[in-house]
Amino acid sequence: MAEVRKQPAEKFYIDVDFSANLDTGELLDSTQSTVKATLNGADSTSTVIESGSLIANSGKLFIRVQKGADGETHKLTFKAVTDQGNVLEQDVDLIIEEL
């Protein structure tokens, strides 16, 4: 599983690249694709993902991460839905650490 590290006050975009799994001409559908965050099994999406920040572009899903507390590890689940009805999923660990 991929990892991204950030400090609690940082805000920035991260992405997951699904392009290797797409057929020629196949596109990601940003209205159907989602990213969810969990911390110890509980939904933490509104805490660490900026609302309305999901972008689909060039076979990648982008979201803006924010907040979180030192020592937390949030599991981000990127679910990409394509215009051909395919569903692709990838997880990323978002590790919060104060340096």
Protein backbone atom coordinates (compact mmCIF):
# COMPACT_ATOMS: atom_id res chain seq x y z
CA MET A 1 0.00 0.00 0.00
CA ALA A 2 1.25 3.47 -0.85
CA GLU A 3 1.97 5.99 1.91
CA VAL A 4 1.75 9.78 2.08
CA ARG A 5 3.13 11.68 5.08
CA LYS A 6 1.97 15.14 6.18
CA GLN A 7 2.10 17.41 9.19
CA PRO A 8 -1.22 18.33 10.86
CA ALA A 9 -1.33 21.90 9.49
CA GLU A 10 -0.40 21.00 5.90
CA LYS A 11 -2.91 21.05 3.02
CA PHE A 12 -2.00 19.69 -0.41
CA TYR A 13 -3.23 17.55 -3.30
CA ILE A 14 -2.36 13.88 -3.67
CA ASP A 15 -3.28 11.59 -6.53
CA VAL A 16 -3.66 7.97 -7.51
CA ASP A 17 -2.86 7.04 -11.11
CA PHE A 18 -5.26 4.52 -12.67
CA SER A 19 -4.14 5.14 -16.28
CA ALA A 20 -2.33 1.78 -16.63
CA ASN A 21 -5.68 0.05 -16.01
CA LEU A 22 -7.69 2.07 -18.54
CA ASP A 23 -8.42 1.05 -22.12
CA THR A 24 -7.57 3.47 -24.92
CA GLY A 25 -10.08 6.32 -24.76
CA GLU A 26 -11.54 5.20 -21.41
CA LEU A 27 -12.05 8.08 -18.96
CA LEU A 28 -12.61 8.40 -15.22
CA ASP A 29 -16.04 9.74 -14.24
CA SER A 30 -15.54 12.31 -11.48
CA THR A 31 -19.26 12.38 -10.66
CA GLN A 32 -19.24 8.64 -9.82
CA SER A 33 -15.72 8.30 -8.36
CA THR A 34 -15.16 8.65 -4.60
CA VAL A 35 -12.46 8.86 -1.96
CA LYS A 36 -13.25 7.80 1.61
CA ALA A 37 -11.04 8.04 4.70
CA THR A 38 -11.14 5.83 7.79
CA LEU A 39 -9.30 5.97 11.10
CA ASN A 40 -9.47 2.80 13.21
CA GLY A 41 -12.52 1.73 11.18
CA ALA A 42 -14.45 4.99 11.71
CA ASP A 43 -15.24 7.42 8.88
CA SER A 44 -12.75 10.32 8.93
CA THR A 45 -13.44 11.67 5.43
CA SER A 46 -14.64 15.11 6.57
CA THR A 47 -11.59 15.49 8.81
CA VAL A 48 -8.73 14.77 6.39
CA ILE A 49 -10.23 15.30 2.90
CA GLU A 50 -11.27 18.80 1.85
CA SER A 51 -14.92 18.75 0.77
CA GLY A 52 -15.42 19.21 -2.97
CA SER A 53 -11.74 18.73 -3.82
CA LEU A 54 -12.05 15.52 -5.91
CA ILE A 55 -10.74 15.95 -9.46
CA ALA A 56 -10.45 13.32 -12.20
CA ASN A 57 -7.89 14.13 -14.91
CA SER A 58 -5.68 12.11 -17.28
CA GLY A 59 -6.46 8.78 -15.62
CA LYS A 60 -5.77 10.09 -12.11
CA LEU A 61 -7.97 10.93 -9.13
CA PHE A 62 -6.79 13.93 -7.09
CA ILE A 63 -7.95 14.99 -3.61
CA ARG A 64 -6.75 17.67 -1.21
CA VAL A 65 -5.74 16.37 2.21
CA GLN A 66 -5.94 18.52 5.34
CA LYS A 67 -5.80 18.46 9.15
CA GLY A 68 -5.36 15.27 11.18
CA ALA A 69 -3.58 14.79 14.50
CA ASP A 70 -0.01 13.73 15.17
CA GLY A 71 0.30 9.94 15.29
CA GLU A 72 -2.82 9.18 13.24
CA THR A 73 -2.82 6.95 10.15
CA HIS A 74 -5.89 7.34 7.95
CA LYS A 75 -6.68 4.79 5.24
CA LEU A 76 -7.75 6.58 2.05
CA THR A 77 -9.73 4.41 -0.38
CA PHE A 78 -9.80 5.79 -3.93
CA LYS A 79 -12.64 4.26 -5.97
CA ALA A 80 -12.49 5.21 -9.64
CA VAL A 81 -15.51 4.62 -11.88
CA THR A 82 -14.95 4.85 -15.62
CA ASP A 83 -17.22 5.91 -18.46
CA GLN A 84 -17.30 2.22 -19.49
CA GLY A 85 -18.66 1.13 -16.10
CA ASN A 86 -15.40 -0.33 -14.78
CA VAL A 87 -14.62 0.18 -11.09
CA LEU A 88 -10.99 0.40 -9.90
CA GLU A 89 -9.84 0.76 -6.30
CA GLN A 90 -6.59 1.65 -4.57
CA ASP A 91 -5.74 2.37 -0.92
CA VAL A 92 -3.24 4.91 0.44
CA ASP A 93 -2.13 5.34 4.06
CA LEU A 94 -2.14 9.01 5.08
CA ILE A 95 0.31 9.27 7.98
CA ILE A 96 0.07 12.40 10.15
CA GLU A 97 3.23 13.33 11.99
CA GLU A 98 4.43 16.56 13.58
CA LEU A 99 8.09 17.10 12.74
